[in-house]
Amino acid sequence: MISKMNKLFVILLTGAYIPWCMMLLFYLLRLEISHFLSTALYLCFASLKWSHMPHANRNVIFWNRMFRVMEICLVARIIVINMIGSAPLAFASSIAVWYGIAKMKLDMQKIATEAPIYCVCLLFLMSSTRSPVHHVASVVLISSSFYLWKYSHTYGNVSIMKRNLMIHYSLKIVEAYMVFLLEWASSPMATSSIIVFAILPVLYSAWAYYSLDIEDESIREYLFYLEKLPEGYPLPLNFKHAVDNCNIARKVFKEHTL
């Protein structure tokens, strides 16, 4: 059933950010303030995006765009670390990138956060390092970003839409792990630590799937309206939650909720 599929992806996406929380604790214990602040900001904006709720009088589209800005800032920070090795300077550079994009007009912001610009940033990152982890993660992110950039929500039939949603959600989970690998490969952590980072999300996902009571929902009717979602609106993992808490989703799916 599609509802079980969505329950699985809610859990898997949540689990994808467990390594980020562990990395945040690692930086805090080592008093790596610049790295800690960067990681904390990334987690904060990820939470704002995936909550699928308006915050501070800003809608979901805004927070989705700001999350992409945060990813670009993280890439810029890692580039500076690779080239200069100064964490404070790298963090300051990421803040400068953030400020520059934030000061752009909305049309320019949209262009700056689209897949082509993001992929160019990843190519610069690849040119700044010899790390095979950075190279592999960047290639995966570039491939995923271009695929999702060209992704269409046009309705075909239920089986096609189910397959497309599975691909979309799967790529979003893969992206979360790949961005984490970029961070991990630039950190002072031992190579063996990746084993712990890999095991804990799996254990959490297995526990959550069989223990947590997530409300089932039939999203069959929602599928007809996906193509009406405005540009820049992230596909919700829980459609009912989105309709209950987001004015944009409520307007798009209103025919289903009446």
C-alpha atoms as a PDB file:
ATOM      1  CA  MET A   1       0.000   0.000   0.000  1.00  0.00           C
ATOM      2  CA  ILE A   2       1.157   3.561  -0.693  1.00  0.00           C
ATOM      3  CA  SER A   3       0.507   4.580   2.928  1.00  0.00           C
ATOM      4  CA  LYS A   4       3.005   1.976   4.149  1.00  0.00           C
ATOM      5  CA  MET A   5       5.478   3.262   1.583  1.00  0.00           C
ATOM      6  CA  ASN A   6       5.178   6.772   2.987  1.00  0.00           C
ATOM      7  CA  LYS A   7       5.534   5.528   6.556  1.00  0.00           C
ATOM      8  CA  LEU A   8       8.763   3.811   5.534  1.00  0.00           C
ATOM      9  CA  PHE A   9      10.170   6.923   3.864  1.00  0.00           C
ATOM     10  CA  VAL A  10       9.250   9.162   6.825  1.00  0.00           C
ATOM     11  CA  ILE A  11      11.294   6.849   9.047  1.00  0.00           C
ATOM     12  CA  LEU A  12      14.181   6.468   6.590  1.00  0.00           C
ATOM     13  CA  LEU A  13      14.484  10.218   6.043  1.00  0.00           C
ATOM     14  CA  THR A  14      14.476  10.844   9.788  1.00  0.00           C
ATOM     15  CA  GLY A  15      17.155   8.186  10.196  1.00  0.00           C
ATOM     16  CA  ALA A  16      19.272   9.877   7.526  1.00  0.00           C
ATOM     17  CA  TYR A  17      19.810  12.823   9.873  1.00  0.00           C
ATOM     18  CA  ILE A  18      20.948  10.728  12.848  1.00  0.00           C
ATOM     19  CA  PRO A  19      24.582  10.829  11.606  1.00  0.00           C
ATOM     20  CA  TRP A  20      24.297  14.616  11.470  1.00  0.00           C
ATOM     21  CA  CYS A  21      23.210  14.710  15.119  1.00  0.00           C
ATOM     22  CA  MET A  22      26.137  12.463  16.050  1.00  0.00           C
ATOM     23  CA  MET A  23      28.528  14.715  14.141  1.00  0.00           C
ATOM     24  CA  LEU A  24      27.077  17.723  15.958  1.00  0.00           C
ATOM     25  CA  LEU A  25      27.819  16.068  19.313  1.00  0.00           C
ATOM     26  CA  PHE A  26      31.340  15.168  18.161  1.00  0.00           C
ATOM     27  CA  TYR A  27      32.097  18.784  17.244  1.00  0.00           C
ATOM     28  CA  LEU A  28      30.663  20.008  20.538  1.00  0.00           C
ATOM     29  CA  LEU A  29      32.776  17.620  22.621  1.00  0.00           C
ATOM     30  CA  ARG A  30      35.895  18.661  20.711  1.00  0.00           C
ATOM     31  CA  LEU A  31      34.942  22.350  20.976  1.00  0.00           C
ATOM     32  CA  GLU A  32      35.126  22.713  17.198  1.00  0.00           C
ATOM     33  CA  ILE A  33      32.916  25.783  17.317  1.00  0.00           C
ATOM     34  CA  SER A  34      32.967  26.673  13.620  1.00  0.00           C
ATOM     35  CA  HIS A  35      32.139  23.126  12.552  1.00  0.00           C
ATOM     36  CA  PHE A  36      29.519  22.887  15.299  1.00  0.00           C
ATOM     37  CA  LEU A  37      27.746  26.064  14.196  1.00  0.00           C
ATOM     38  CA  SER A  38      27.749  25.017  10.543  1.00  0.00           C
ATOM     39  CA  THR A  39      26.333  21.580  11.347  1.00  0.00           C
ATOM     40  CA  ALA A  40      23.742  23.040  13.732  1.00  0.00           C
ATOM     41  CA  LEU A  41      22.556  25.484  11.055  1.00  0.00           C
ATOM     42  CA  TYR A  42      22.289  22.697   8.493  1.00  0.00           C
ATOM     43  CA  LEU A  43      20.164  20.585  10.854  1.00  0.00           C
ATOM     44  CA  CYS A  44      18.032  23.597  11.741  1.00  0.00           C
ATOM     45  CA  PHE A  45      17.178  24.373   8.123  1.00  0.00           C
ATOM     46  CA  ALA A  46      16.611  20.696   7.348  1.00  0.00           C
ATOM     47  CA  SER A  47      14.087  20.596  10.196  1.00  0.00           C
ATOM     48  CA  LEU A  48      12.370  23.763   8.969  1.00  0.00           C
ATOM     49  CA  LYS A  49      12.062  22.306   5.477  1.00  0.00           C
ATOM     50  CA  TRP A  50      10.904  18.799   6.354  1.00  0.00           C
ATOM     51  CA  SER A  51       8.436  19.969   9.005  1.00  0.00           C
ATOM     52  CA  HIS A  52       6.365  21.102   6.013  1.00  0.00           C
ATOM     53  CA  MET A  53       4.962  23.973   8.058  1.00  0.00           C
ATOM     54  CA  PRO A  54       5.292  27.763   7.773  1.00  0.00           C
ATOM     55  CA  HIS A  55       7.694  29.354  10.252  1.00  0.00           C
ATOM     56  CA  ALA A  56       8.312  33.013  11.078  1.00  0.00           C
ATOM     57  CA  ASN A  57       5.626  34.031   8.587  1.00  0.00           C
ATOM     58  CA  ARG A  58       7.543  32.282   5.796  1.00  0.00           C
ATOM     59  CA  ASN A  59       6.007  29.494   3.737  1.00  0.00           C
ATOM     60  CA  VAL A  60       7.356  26.044   2.918  1.00  0.00           C
ATOM     61  CA  ILE A  61       8.704  27.168  -0.479  1.00  0.00           C
ATOM     62  CA  PHE A  62      10.878  29.767   1.255  1.00  0.00           C
ATOM     63  CA  TRP A  63      12.321  27.244   3.710  1.00  0.00           C
ATOM     64  CA  ASN A  64      12.919  24.752   0.923  1.00  0.00           C
ATOM     65  CA  ARG A  65      14.896  27.406  -0.945  1.00  0.00           C
ATOM     66  CA  MET A  66      16.810  28.391   2.206  1.00  0.00           C
ATOM     67  CA  PHE A  67      17.736  24.771   2.805  1.00  0.00           C
ATOM     68  CA  ARG A  68      19.303  24.642  -0.662  1.00  0.00           C
ATOM     69  CA  VAL A  69      21.169  27.873   0.174  1.00  0.00           C
ATOM     70  CA  MET A  70      22.426  26.165   3.325  1.00  0.00           C
ATOM     71  CA  GLU A  71      23.689  23.238   1.248  1.00  0.00           C
ATOM     72  CA  ILE A  72      25.539  25.632  -1.074  1.00  0.00           C
ATOM     73  CA  CYS A  73      27.064  27.344   1.972  1.00  0.00           C
ATOM     74  CA  LEU A  74      28.162  23.976   3.347  1.00  0.00           C
ATOM     75  CA  VAL A  75      29.829  23.121   0.029  1.00  0.00           C
ATOM     76  CA  ALA A  76      31.556  26.523  -0.024  1.00  0.00           C
ATOM     77  CA  ARG A  77      32.798  25.941   3.529  1.00  0.00           C
ATOM     78  CA  ILE A  78      34.260  22.540   2.626  1.00  0.00           C
ATOM     79  CA  ILE A  79      35.986  24.035  -0.431  1.00  0.00           C
ATOM     80  CA  VAL A  80      37.722  26.609   1.794  1.00  0.00           C
ATOM     81  CA  ILE A  81      38.718  23.874   4.259  1.00  0.00           C
ATOM     82  CA  ASN A  82      40.176  21.809   1.428  1.00  0.00           C
ATOM     83  CA  MET A  83      42.133  24.728  -0.001  1.00  0.00           C
ATOM     84  CA  ILE A  84      43.195  26.651   3.126  1.00  0.00           C
ATOM     85  CA  GLY A  85      42.490  24.399   6.094  1.00  0.00           C
ATOM     86  CA  SER A  86      41.067  27.137   8.318  1.00  0.00           C
ATOM     87  CA  ALA A  87      37.728  26.195   9.901  1.00  0.00           C
ATOM     88  CA  PRO A  88      36.896  29.735  11.166  1.00  0.00           C
ATOM     89  CA  LEU A  89      37.652  31.229   7.747  1.00  0.00           C
ATOM     90  CA  ALA A  90      35.603  28.490   6.099  1.00  0.00           C
ATOM     91  CA  PHE A  91      32.622  29.244   8.341  1.00  0.00           C
ATOM     92  CA  ALA A  92      32.985  32.970   7.675  1.00  0.00           C
ATOM     93  CA  SER A  93      33.033  32.231   3.948  1.00  0.00           C
ATOM     94  CA  SER A  94      29.817  30.233   4.205  1.00  0.00           C
ATOM     95  CA  ILE A  95      28.150  33.113   6.052  1.00  0.00           C
ATOM     96  CA  ALA A  96      29.336  35.491   3.314  1.00  0.00           C
ATOM     97  CA  VAL A  97      27.798  33.215   0.669  1.00  0.00           C
ATOM     98  CA  TRP A  98      24.571  33.101   2.675  1.00  0.00           C
ATOM     99  CA  TYR A  99      24.477  36.886   2.987  1.00  0.00           C
ATOM    100  CA  GLY A 100      25.165  37.342  -0.722  1.00  0.00           C
ATOM    101  CA  ILE A 101      22.342  35.038  -1.801  1.00  0.00           C
ATOM    102  CA  ALA A 102      19.950  36.425   0.830  1.00  0.00           C
ATOM    103  CA  LYS A 103      20.467  39.939  -0.543  1.00  0.00           C
ATOM    104  CA  MET A 104      19.541  38.887  -4.070  1.00  0.00           C
ATOM    105  CA  LYS A 105      16.147  39.633  -5.534  1.00  0.00           C
ATOM    106  CA  LEU A 106      13.728  36.723  -5.477  1.00  0.00           C
ATOM    107  CA  ASP A 107      14.184  35.898  -9.174  1.00  0.00           C
ATOM    108  CA  MET A 108      17.942  35.798  -8.753  1.00  0.00           C
ATOM    109  CA  GLN A 109      17.625  33.704  -5.595  1.00  0.00           C
ATOM    110  CA  LYS A 110      15.625  31.122  -7.517  1.00  0.00           C
ATOM    111  CA  ILE A 111      18.298  30.952 -10.211  1.00  0.00           C
ATOM    112  CA  ALA A 112      21.106  30.737  -7.644  1.00  0.00           C
ATOM    113  CA  THR A 113      19.457  27.795  -5.896  1.00  0.00           C
ATOM    114  CA  GLU A 114      18.570  25.756  -8.966  1.00  0.00           C
ATOM    115  CA  ALA A 115      20.339  22.493  -9.762  1.00  0.00           C
ATOM    116  CA  PRO A 116      22.834  23.856 -12.358  1.00  0.00           C
ATOM    117  CA  ILE A 117      24.372  26.354  -9.881  1.00  0.00           C
ATOM    118  CA  TYR A 118      24.420  23.783  -7.094  1.00  0.00           C
ATOM    119  CA  CYS A 119      26.149  21.288  -9.388  1.00  0.00           C
ATOM    120  CA  VAL A 120      28.753  23.857 -10.430  1.00  0.00           C
ATOM    121  CA  CYS A 121      29.544  24.361  -6.737  1.00  0.00           C
ATOM    122  CA  LEU A 122      29.991  20.601  -6.368  1.00  0.00           C
ATOM    123  CA  LEU A 123      32.334  20.556  -9.367  1.00  0.00           C
ATOM    124  CA  PHE A 124      34.444  23.245  -7.682  1.00  0.00           C
ATOM    125  CA  LEU A 125      34.490  21.082  -4.558  1.00  0.00           C
ATOM    126  CA  MET A 126      35.709  18.100  -6.587  1.00  0.00           C
ATOM    127  CA  SER A 127      38.505  20.220  -8.043  1.00  0.00           C
ATOM    128  CA  SER A 128      39.627  21.276  -4.549  1.00  0.00           C
ATOM    129  CA  THR A 129      40.210  17.788  -3.147  1.00  0.00           C
ATOM    130  CA  ARG A 130      41.695  14.389  -3.887  1.00  0.00           C
ATOM    131  CA  SER A 131      39.329  12.648  -1.491  1.00  0.00           C
ATOM    132  CA  PRO A 132      37.545   9.769  -3.268  1.00  0.00           C
ATOM    133  CA  VAL A 133      34.646  10.161  -0.822  1.00  0.00           C
ATOM    134  CA  HIS A 134      34.185  13.793  -1.868  1.00  0.00           C
ATOM    135  CA  HIS A 135      34.335  12.804  -5.532  1.00  0.00           C
ATOM    136  CA  VAL A 136      31.861   9.923  -5.288  1.00  0.00           C
ATOM    137  CA  ALA A 137      29.405  11.853  -3.090  1.00  0.00           C
ATOM    138  CA  SER A 138      29.577  14.872  -5.411  1.00  0.00           C
ATOM    139  CA  VAL A 139      28.924  12.767  -8.524  1.00  0.00           C
ATOM    140  CA  VAL A 140      25.902  11.149  -6.862  1.00  0.00           C
ATOM    141  CA  LEU A 141      24.578  14.552  -5.755  1.00  0.00           C
ATOM    142  CA  ILE A 142      25.045  16.029  -9.223  1.00  0.00           C
ATOM    143  CA  SER A 143      23.239  13.105 -10.844  1.00  0.00           C
ATOM    144  CA  SER A 144      20.394  13.209  -8.344  1.00  0.00           C
ATOM    145  CA  SER A 145      20.019  16.994  -8.544  1.00  0.00           C
ATOM    146  CA  PHE A 146      19.736  17.007 -12.325  1.00  0.00           C
ATOM    147  CA  TYR A 147      17.244  14.145 -12.296  1.00  0.00           C
ATOM    148  CA  LEU A 148      15.002  15.853  -9.737  1.00  0.00           C
ATOM    149  CA  TRP A 149      15.386  19.179 -11.557  1.00  0.00           C
ATOM    150  CA  LYS A 150      13.837  17.572 -14.639  1.00  0.00           C
ATOM    151  CA  TYR A 151      11.386  15.520 -12.591  1.00  0.00           C
ATOM    152  CA  SER A 152       7.729  15.879 -13.650  1.00  0.00           C
ATOM    153  CA  HIS A 153       4.691  15.506 -11.394  1.00  0.00           C
ATOM    154  CA  THR A 154       2.417  14.899 -14.370  1.00  0.00           C
ATOM    155  CA  TYR A 155      -0.141  12.250 -13.497  1.00  0.00           C
ATOM    156  CA  GLY A 156      -0.103   8.996 -15.459  1.00  0.00           C
ATOM    157  CA  ASN A 157      -1.632   6.238 -13.378  1.00  0.00           C
ATOM    158  CA  VAL A 158      -1.336   5.059  -9.798  1.00  0.00           C
ATOM    159  CA  SER A 159       1.437   2.551 -10.429  1.00  0.00           C
ATOM    160  CA  ILE A 160       3.528   5.076 -12.375  1.00  0.00           C
ATOM    161  CA  MET A 161       3.045   7.742  -9.704  1.00  0.00           C
ATOM    162  CA  LYS A 162       3.892   5.257  -6.975  1.00  0.00           C
ATOM    163  CA  ARG A 163       7.129   4.430  -8.760  1.00  0.00           C
ATOM    164  CA  ASN A 164       7.938   8.121  -9.320  1.00  0.00           C
ATOM    165  CA  LEU A 165       7.289   8.961  -5.676  1.00  0.00           C
ATOM    166  CA  MET A 166       9.506   6.088  -4.551  1.00  0.00           C
ATOM    167  CA  ILE A 167      12.306   7.369  -6.788  1.00  0.00           C
ATOM    168  CA  HIS A 168      11.841  10.946  -5.552  1.00  0.00           C
ATOM    169  CA  TYR A 169      11.832  10.052  -1.858  1.00  0.00           C
ATOM    170  CA  SER A 170      14.711   7.593  -2.290  1.00  0.00           C
ATOM    171  CA  LEU A 171      16.863  10.224  -3.964  1.00  0.00           C
ATOM    172  CA  LYS A 172      16.126  12.724  -1.191  1.00  0.00           C
ATOM    173  CA  ILE A 173      17.300  10.177   1.377  1.00  0.00           C
ATOM    174  CA  VAL A 174      20.413   9.404  -0.684  1.00  0.00           C
ATOM    175  CA  GLU A 175      21.140  13.133  -0.954  1.00  0.00           C
ATOM    176  CA  ALA A 176      20.984  13.514   2.835  1.00  0.00           C
ATOM    177  CA  TYR A 177      23.569  10.760   3.241  1.00  0.00           C
ATOM    178  CA  MET A 178      25.801  12.086   0.442  1.00  0.00           C
ATOM    179  CA  VAL A 179      25.896  15.595   1.905  1.00  0.00           C
ATOM    180  CA  PHE A 180      26.769  14.019   5.234  1.00  0.00           C
ATOM    181  CA  LEU A 181      29.640  12.155   3.566  1.00  0.00           C
ATOM    182  CA  LEU A 182      30.959  15.486   2.293  1.00  0.00           C
ATOM    183  CA  GLU A 183      30.976  16.755   5.875  1.00  0.00           C
ATOM    184  CA  TRP A 184      32.395  13.540   7.317  1.00  0.00           C
ATOM    185  CA  ALA A 185      35.251  13.336   4.795  1.00  0.00           C
ATOM    186  CA  SER A 186      36.361  16.869   5.716  1.00  0.00           C
ATOM    187  CA  SER A 187      36.212  16.183   9.468  1.00  0.00           C
ATOM    188  CA  PRO A 188      39.030  14.806  11.683  1.00  0.00           C
ATOM    189  CA  MET A 189      37.059  11.641  12.422  1.00  0.00           C
ATOM    190  CA  ALA A 190      38.667   8.237  11.905  1.00  0.00           C
ATOM    191  CA  THR A 191      37.733   6.268   8.806  1.00  0.00           C
ATOM    192  CA  SER A 192      36.352   3.466  10.967  1.00  0.00           C
ATOM    193  CA  SER A 193      33.743   5.836  12.422  1.00  0.00           C
ATOM    194  CA  ILE A 194      31.687   5.458   9.246  1.00  0.00           C
ATOM    195  CA  ILE A 195      30.685   1.996  10.492  1.00  0.00           C
ATOM    196  CA  VAL A 196      28.906   3.519  13.495  1.00  0.00           C
ATOM    197  CA  PHE A 197      27.314   6.191  11.321  1.00  0.00           C
ATOM    198  CA  ALA A 198      25.978   3.463   9.022  1.00  0.00           C
ATOM    199  CA  ILE A 199      24.717   1.081  11.701  1.00  0.00           C
ATOM    200  CA  LEU A 200      22.766   3.479  13.928  1.00  0.00           C
ATOM    201  CA  PRO A 201      20.354   4.757  11.223  1.00  0.00           C
ATOM    202  CA  VAL A 202      19.622   1.139  10.249  1.00  0.00           C
ATOM    203  CA  LEU A 203      18.896   0.175  13.862  1.00  0.00           C
ATOM    204  CA  TYR A 204      16.708   3.249  14.335  1.00  0.00           C
ATOM    205  CA  SER A 205      14.768   2.604  11.108  1.00  0.00           C
ATOM    206  CA  ALA A 206      14.113  -1.019  12.026  1.00  0.00           C
ATOM    207  CA  TRP A 207      12.989  -0.067  15.537  1.00  0.00           C
ATOM    208  CA  ALA A 208      10.834   2.842  14.355  1.00  0.00           C
ATOM    209  CA  TYR A 209       9.062   0.893  11.626  1.00  0.00           C
ATOM    210  CA  TYR A 210       7.878  -1.823  14.012  1.00  0.00           C
ATOM    211  CA  SER A 211       7.410   0.335  17.122  1.00  0.00           C
ATOM    212  CA  LEU A 212       6.078   3.747  16.108  1.00  0.00           C
ATOM    213  CA  ASP A 213       2.393   4.162  15.377  1.00  0.00           C
ATOM    214  CA  ILE A 214       2.299   6.441  12.344  1.00  0.00           C
ATOM    215  CA  GLU A 215      -1.191   7.191  11.091  1.00  0.00           C
ATOM    216  CA  ASP A 216      -1.954   5.428   7.835  1.00  0.00           C
ATOM    217  CA  GLU A 217      -3.399   7.488   5.012  1.00  0.00           C
ATOM    218  CA  SER A 218      -4.539   6.768   1.511  1.00  0.00           C
ATOM    219  CA  ILE A 219      -2.825   9.226  -0.825  1.00  0.00           C
ATOM    220  CA  ARG A 220      -4.306   7.867  -4.040  1.00  0.00           C
ATOM    221  CA  GLU A 221      -6.499  10.945  -4.587  1.00  0.00           C
ATOM    222  CA  TYR A 222      -3.654  13.345  -3.766  1.00  0.00           C
ATOM    223  CA  LEU A 223      -1.721  12.060  -6.750  1.00  0.00           C
ATOM    224  CA  PHE A 224      -4.090  13.767  -9.178  1.00  0.00           C
ATOM    225  CA  TYR A 225      -3.058  17.188  -7.841  1.00  0.00           C
ATOM    226  CA  LEU A 226       0.738  16.847  -7.658  1.00  0.00           C
ATOM    227  CA  GLU A 227       1.219  18.657 -10.973  1.00  0.00           C
ATOM    228  CA  LYS A 228      -0.606  21.668  -9.486  1.00  0.00           C
ATOM    229  CA  LEU A 229       2.006  22.180  -6.772  1.00  0.00           C
ATOM    230  CA  PRO A 230       3.848  25.497  -7.290  1.00  0.00           C
ATOM    231  CA  GLU A 231       7.468  25.544  -8.400  1.00  0.00           C
ATOM    232  CA  GLY A 232       9.868  25.036  -5.522  1.00  0.00           C
ATOM    233  CA  TYR A 233       7.364  23.248  -3.311  1.00  0.00           C
ATOM    234  CA  PRO A 234       8.873  20.060  -1.789  1.00  0.00           C
ATOM    235  CA  LEU A 235       6.782  16.907  -2.057  1.00  0.00           C
ATOM    236  CA  PRO A 236       5.396  16.123   1.402  1.00  0.00           C
ATOM    237  CA  LEU A 237       6.093  12.781   3.043  1.00  0.00           C
ATOM    238  CA  ASN A 238       2.808  13.042   4.925  1.00  0.00           C
ATOM    239  CA  PHE A 239       0.100  14.603   2.779  1.00  0.00           C
ATOM    240  CA  LYS A 240      -2.479  14.875   5.550  1.00  0.00           C
ATOM    241  CA  HIS A 241       0.000  16.692   7.798  1.00  0.00           C
ATOM    242  CA  ALA A 242       0.842  19.059   4.930  1.00  0.00           C
ATOM    243  CA  VAL A 243      -2.829  19.826   4.262  1.00  0.00           C
ATOM    244  CA  ASP A 244      -3.478  20.420   7.967  1.00  0.00           C
ATOM    245  CA  ASN A 245      -0.496  22.739   8.478  1.00  0.00           C
ATOM    246  CA  CYS A 246       0.380  24.363   5.156  1.00  0.00           C
ATOM    247  CA  ASN A 247      -1.864  26.833   3.333  1.00  0.00           C
ATOM    248  CA  ILE A 248      -0.280  26.018  -0.025  1.00  0.00           C
ATOM    249  CA  ALA A 249      -0.949  22.280   0.325  1.00  0.00           C
ATOM    250  CA  ARG A 250      -4.455  22.987   1.619  1.00  0.00           C
ATOM    251  CA  LYS A 251      -5.215  25.108  -1.441  1.00  0.00           C
ATOM    252  CA  VAL A 252      -3.794  22.596  -3.941  1.00  0.00           C
ATOM    253  CA  PHE A 253      -5.444  19.549  -2.379  1.00  0.00           C
ATOM    254  CA  LYS A 254      -8.668  21.261  -1.276  1.00  0.00           C
ATOM    255  CA  GLU A 255     -10.808  19.209  -3.670  1.00  0.00           C
ATOM    256  CA  HIS A 256      -9.582  16.069  -1.943  1.00  0.00           C
ATOM    257  CA  THR A 257     -10.169  17.364   1.583  1.00  0.00           C
ATOM    258  CA  LEU A 258     -13.702  18.641   1.013  1.00  0.00           C
END
